[in-house]
Amino acid sequence: MEVELLVRAHYCHMIAACADGVDRVLRVVKERVDAYVASSDFNLLLRLLTGIKRYNDLQFIFKLLMEADQFELLVGKSADKVNLFLLL
C-alpha cells in the first residue's frame, strides 16, 4: 500500500508541476528502499521503478536489484508484457 501511495503522490505532484513535492516523494522513496531490501520485497522496488518512471533519479534501485541478484525481475516483467502483446 505504501508503494502505491508513493507512486500516486509522485504522479499528483508531477501533474501539479510541484517540483518540491516530487523531491519530497523521491526523498521518502530513498529512505524506504532499504526497508524493502531488508525484507526482500524486490517486487516493491520494481513497482517503484515502473510506477515513478524517473530512471535517472532511481538508478540506485537498479544497483540494489543487481546486488541482490534480482535484476531478472525487471527483465522478466518486460518479457511478460511483450509475450502478452504477441498473443493478442
Protein backbone atom coordinates (compact mmCIF):
# COMPACT_ATOMS: atom_id res chain seq x y z
CA MET A 1 0.00 0.00 0.00
CA GLU A 2 2.84 2.38 0.87
CA VAL A 3 4.48 1.96 -2.52
CA GLU A 4 1.21 2.64 -4.34
CA LEU A 5 0.76 5.81 -2.29
CA LEU A 6 4.28 6.93 -3.22
CA VAL A 7 3.63 6.26 -6.90
CA ARG A 8 0.32 8.14 -6.76
CA ALA A 9 1.86 11.04 -4.80
CA HIS A 10 4.61 11.35 -7.40
CA TYR A 11 2.04 11.36 -10.18
CA CYS A 12 -0.06 14.05 -8.48
CA HIS A 13 2.96 16.28 -7.88
CA MET A 14 4.04 15.84 -11.50
CA ILE A 15 0.58 16.82 -12.77
CA ALA A 16 0.59 19.84 -10.45
CA ALA A 17 4.12 20.76 -11.60
CA CYS A 18 5.21 20.86 -7.97
CA ALA A 19 8.96 20.24 -8.02
CA ASP A 20 9.19 20.42 -4.22
CA GLY A 21 6.55 17.71 -3.92
CA VAL A 22 8.34 15.47 -6.41
CA ASP A 23 11.60 15.95 -4.49
CA ARG A 24 9.89 15.05 -1.21
CA VAL A 25 8.43 11.88 -2.70
CA LEU A 26 11.81 10.84 -4.09
CA ARG A 27 13.40 11.54 -0.69
CA VAL A 28 10.86 9.25 1.01
CA VAL A 29 11.48 6.57 -1.63
CA LYS A 30 15.22 6.72 -0.89
CA GLU A 31 14.51 6.41 2.84
CA ARG A 32 12.16 3.41 2.43
CA VAL A 33 14.12 1.39 -0.13
CA ASP A 34 16.46 -0.11 2.46
CA ALA A 35 13.47 -1.48 4.38
CA TYR A 36 12.16 -3.17 1.23
CA VAL A 37 15.55 -4.70 0.53
CA ALA A 38 15.91 -5.88 4.14
CA SER A 39 12.55 -7.65 3.91
CA SER A 40 13.33 -8.98 0.40
CA ASP A 41 10.37 -7.12 -1.13
CA PHE A 42 12.03 -6.71 -4.50
CA ASN A 43 8.70 -6.55 -6.32
CA LEU A 44 8.05 -3.31 -4.44
CA LEU A 45 11.30 -1.90 -5.82
CA LEU A 46 10.19 -2.93 -9.28
CA ARG A 47 6.84 -1.21 -8.74
CA LEU A 48 8.60 1.99 -7.69
CA LEU A 49 10.69 1.92 -10.86
CA THR A 50 7.80 1.21 -13.20
CA GLY A 51 5.36 3.49 -11.41
CA ILE A 52 7.51 6.58 -10.93
CA LYS A 53 9.49 6.20 -14.17
CA ARG A 54 12.28 8.58 -13.16
CA TYR A 55 15.04 6.16 -14.02
CA ASN A 56 17.90 8.62 -13.62
CA ASP A 57 16.72 9.57 -10.14
CA LEU A 58 16.16 5.92 -9.22
CA GLN A 59 19.38 4.43 -10.58
CA PHE A 60 20.26 3.25 -7.10
CA ILE A 61 17.32 0.81 -7.28
CA PHE A 62 18.81 -0.80 -10.40
CA LYS A 63 22.07 -1.21 -8.48
CA LEU A 64 20.28 -2.73 -5.48
CA LEU A 65 18.44 -5.20 -7.71
CA MET A 66 21.70 -6.25 -9.34
CA GLU A 67 23.49 -6.61 -5.99
CA ALA A 68 20.66 -8.79 -4.69
CA ASP A 69 20.70 -10.88 -7.88
CA GLN A 70 17.11 -9.80 -8.61
CA PHE A 71 17.62 -7.83 -11.82
CA GLU A 72 15.79 -10.52 -13.80
CA LEU A 73 12.57 -9.32 -12.16
CA LEU A 74 12.77 -6.22 -14.32
CA VAL A 75 13.63 -8.15 -17.46
CA GLY A 76 11.01 -10.80 -16.71
CA LYS A 77 8.30 -8.19 -16.27
CA SER A 78 9.10 -6.68 -19.66
CA ALA A 79 9.28 -10.07 -21.31
CA ASP A 80 5.84 -10.97 -19.94
CA LYS A 81 4.35 -7.79 -21.42
CA VAL A 82 5.96 -8.46 -24.80
CA ASN A 83 4.71 -12.06 -24.80
CA LEU A 84 1.20 -10.93 -23.88
CA PHE A 85 1.28 -8.35 -26.69
CA LEU A 86 2.37 -11.01 -29.20
CA LEU A 87 -0.52 -13.25 -28.16
CA LEU A 88 -3.13 -10.57 -28.86
